[in-house]
């Protein structure tokens, strides 16, 4: 069993189809995007190839393959406006293991280590991320990888009838 990480350089309709499926998966939406209310949680839309190409202008996107099957994606952006600590030269990371067969196997752990190496190669030394307070599995993963809590954004996302906090974490690499 092999896991590979490949930088997305040429978006295709087949990759876009998978990304759109994950972006609209009701089990993933609460974990991958902030939702201010139920209507936003219920919203579905598809990204176009032009949208993905535009996103690639400022996001470094890596596809996660396990046994030659696309099972997830991870990305980083440098110095986005939503950083908790506005320290120049900070990479904000995100990861989605979109296929259930890829979860609970250590793939997320390996993926984060890989993206940290790519960030280091770009000459950056600080990583920041946000994780919703109800996503305890992800919190444990980030803590295991050495991320430390630096703050909280209260009432950040809606899920299961209530608002939840976004826990902001950082790591120096």
Protein backbone atom coordinates (compact mmCIF):
# COMPACT_ATOMS: atom_id res chain seq x y z
CA UNK A 1 0.00 0.00 0.00
CA UNK A 2 1.46 3.31 -1.07
CA UNK A 3 0.49 6.89 -0.46
CA UNK A 4 1.64 9.64 -2.82
CA UNK A 5 1.30 13.40 -2.77
CA UNK A 6 1.22 15.18 -6.11
CA UNK A 7 1.15 18.95 -6.61
CA UNK A 8 -1.80 19.98 -8.75
CA UNK A 9 -0.41 21.84 -11.75
CA UNK A 10 -2.88 20.91 -14.50
CA UNK A 11 -6.50 20.92 -13.35
CA UNK A 12 -8.71 18.45 -15.20
CA UNK A 13 -12.43 17.79 -15.32
CA UNK A 14 -11.96 14.41 -13.58
CA UNK A 15 -10.09 15.99 -10.64
CA UNK A 16 -12.62 18.83 -10.52
CA UNK A 17 -15.47 16.30 -10.37
CA UNK A 18 -13.94 14.63 -7.31
CA UNK A 19 -13.20 17.94 -5.56
CA UNK A 20 -16.78 19.10 -6.17
CA UNK A 21 -18.12 15.80 -4.81
CA UNK A 22 -16.15 16.28 -1.59
CA UNK A 23 -17.11 19.97 -1.35
CA UNK A 24 -20.78 18.98 -1.50
CA UNK A 25 -20.62 15.88 0.72
CA UNK A 26 -22.94 16.51 3.72
CA UNK A 27 -20.63 14.52 6.01
CA UNK A 28 -17.60 16.66 5.05
CA UNK A 29 -19.14 20.13 4.81
CA UNK A 30 -19.32 20.69 8.60
CA UNK A 31 -15.63 19.74 8.89
CA UNK A 32 -14.19 21.66 5.95
CA UNK A 33 -15.88 25.05 5.75
CA UNK A 34 -17.33 27.52 8.23
CA UNK A 35 -21.10 27.83 8.04
CA UNK A 36 -22.79 30.78 9.75
CA UNK A 37 -26.26 29.16 9.67
CA UNK A 38 -28.28 26.16 8.51
CA UNK A 39 -28.89 27.65 5.05
CA UNK A 40 -25.15 27.90 4.44
CA UNK A 41 -24.65 24.37 5.78
CA UNK A 42 -27.25 23.19 3.26
CA UNK A 43 -25.75 25.17 0.33
CA UNK A 44 -24.31 23.18 -2.55
CA UNK A 45 -22.42 24.56 -5.52
CA UNK A 46 -19.87 23.36 -7.99
CA UNK A 47 -16.53 24.96 -8.76
CA UNK A 48 -15.67 25.36 -12.44
CA UNK A 49 -12.31 24.62 -14.04
CA UNK A 50 -11.83 28.39 -14.28
CA UNK A 51 -12.54 28.70 -10.52
CA UNK A 52 -10.01 25.98 -9.71
CA UNK A 53 -7.41 27.54 -12.02
CA UNK A 54 -7.93 30.91 -10.30
CA UNK A 55 -7.62 29.26 -6.87
CA UNK A 56 -4.28 27.80 -7.91
CA UNK A 57 -2.91 31.34 -8.32
CA UNK A 58 -2.53 31.70 -4.54
CA UNK A 59 -3.13 28.18 -3.17
CA UNK A 60 -0.54 25.42 -3.41
CA UNK A 61 -2.72 22.34 -3.86
CA UNK A 62 -1.55 18.76 -3.39
CA UNK A 63 -3.58 15.68 -4.24
CA UNK A 64 -3.41 12.68 -1.93
CA UNK A 65 -3.38 9.29 -3.64
CA UNK A 66 -3.52 5.96 -1.82
CA UNK A 67 -2.98 2.84 -3.91
CA UNK A 68 -3.41 5.01 -7.03
CA UNK A 69 -6.85 6.25 -5.89
CA UNK A 70 -7.43 9.96 -5.28
CA UNK A 71 -8.58 10.06 -1.64
CA UNK A 72 -7.90 13.63 -0.52
CA UNK A 73 -6.36 17.03 -1.03
CA UNK A 74 -4.37 19.45 1.03
CA UNK A 75 -3.35 23.00 0.37
CA UNK A 76 -1.67 26.05 1.76
CA UNK A 77 -1.84 29.76 1.15
CA UNK A 78 0.69 32.32 2.36
CA UNK A 79 -0.39 35.24 4.58
CA UNK A 80 -4.18 35.10 4.08
CA UNK A 81 -6.17 37.88 5.78
CA UNK A 82 -7.87 35.47 8.21
CA UNK A 83 -4.71 34.55 10.14
CA UNK A 84 -5.19 34.76 13.90
CA UNK A 85 -1.61 36.01 14.32
CA UNK A 86 -0.71 38.36 11.50
CA UNK A 87 2.91 37.22 11.19
CA UNK A 88 4.31 37.71 7.67
CA UNK A 89 5.57 34.52 6.06
CA UNK A 90 2.88 32.28 7.56
CA UNK A 91 1.34 29.36 5.67
CA UNK A 92 -2.31 28.56 6.38
CA UNK A 93 -3.04 24.88 5.72
CA UNK A 94 -6.13 22.87 5.00
CA UNK A 95 -6.63 19.15 4.44
CA UNK A 96 -9.55 17.00 3.35
CA UNK A 97 -9.50 13.22 3.33
CA UNK A 98 -12.51 12.97 1.06
CA UNK A 99 -12.78 9.20 0.77
CA UNK A 100 -13.75 7.23 3.88
CA UNK A 101 -11.27 4.46 3.02
CA UNK A 102 -8.45 6.97 3.57
CA UNK A 103 -9.42 7.90 7.12
CA UNK A 104 -7.96 6.41 10.27
CA UNK A 105 -4.91 4.97 8.51
CA UNK A 106 -2.29 7.61 9.29
CA UNK A 107 -2.60 9.20 5.86
CA UNK A 108 -3.57 12.60 7.30
CA UNK A 109 -0.53 12.46 9.59
CA UNK A 110 1.81 11.72 6.66
CA UNK A 111 0.09 14.34 4.50
CA UNK A 112 0.59 17.12 7.04
CA UNK A 113 4.25 16.17 7.42
CA UNK A 114 4.61 16.31 3.64
CA UNK A 115 2.98 19.72 3.26
CA UNK A 116 5.13 21.09 6.10
CA UNK A 117 8.21 20.01 4.11
CA UNK A 118 6.89 21.80 1.01
CA UNK A 119 6.24 24.93 3.09
CA UNK A 120 9.79 24.75 4.51
CA UNK A 121 11.20 24.46 0.98
CA UNK A 122 9.46 27.75 0.17
CA UNK A 123 11.42 29.35 3.03
CA UNK A 124 8.49 29.68 5.41
CA UNK A 125 8.79 28.68 9.07
CA UNK A 126 5.35 29.19 10.60
CA UNK A 127 2.11 27.29 9.93
CA UNK A 128 -1.33 28.23 11.21
CA UNK A 129 -4.63 26.40 10.93
CA UNK A 130 -8.15 26.38 12.30
CA UNK A 131 -10.04 23.37 13.57
CA UNK A 132 -13.65 23.38 14.73
CA UNK A 133 -14.05 22.51 18.40
CA UNK A 134 -16.30 19.51 17.68
CA UNK A 135 -13.65 17.92 15.43
CA UNK A 136 -11.73 16.26 18.23
CA UNK A 137 -10.09 13.69 15.94
CA UNK A 138 -8.41 16.46 13.94
CA UNK A 139 -7.42 18.31 17.12
CA UNK A 140 -5.64 15.18 18.37
CA UNK A 141 -3.87 14.79 15.03
CA UNK A 142 -2.59 18.38 15.06
CA UNK A 143 -1.48 18.13 18.70
CA UNK A 144 0.37 14.89 17.92
CA UNK A 145 2.15 16.75 15.10
CA UNK A 146 3.24 19.53 17.49
CA UNK A 147 0.62 22.22 16.85
CA UNK A 148 -0.24 24.44 19.81
CA UNK A 149 -3.43 26.39 20.43
CA UNK A 150 -2.94 30.16 20.05
CA UNK A 151 -6.52 31.39 20.27
CA UNK A 152 -10.19 30.84 19.63
CA UNK A 153 -12.78 32.47 17.45
CA UNK A 154 -16.09 32.09 19.27
CA UNK A 155 -19.36 31.28 17.48
CA UNK A 156 -17.50 30.66 14.23
CA UNK A 157 -19.47 27.85 12.58
CA UNK A 158 -22.95 26.35 12.75
CA UNK A 159 -23.54 22.60 13.10
CA UNK A 160 -26.09 20.37 14.82
CA UNK A 161 -28.29 23.30 15.83
CA UNK A 162 -25.64 25.44 17.50
CA UNK A 163 -22.64 27.68 16.93
CA UNK A 164 -19.15 26.31 17.56
CA UNK A 165 -15.73 27.81 18.21
CA UNK A 166 -12.82 27.69 15.76
CA UNK A 167 -9.61 26.71 17.55
CA UNK A 168 -6.55 28.34 15.97
CA UNK A 169 -3.27 26.48 16.19
CA UNK A 170 0.29 27.15 15.09
CA UNK A 171 3.55 25.33 14.59
CA UNK A 172 7.03 26.57 13.83
CA UNK A 173 8.81 24.36 11.33
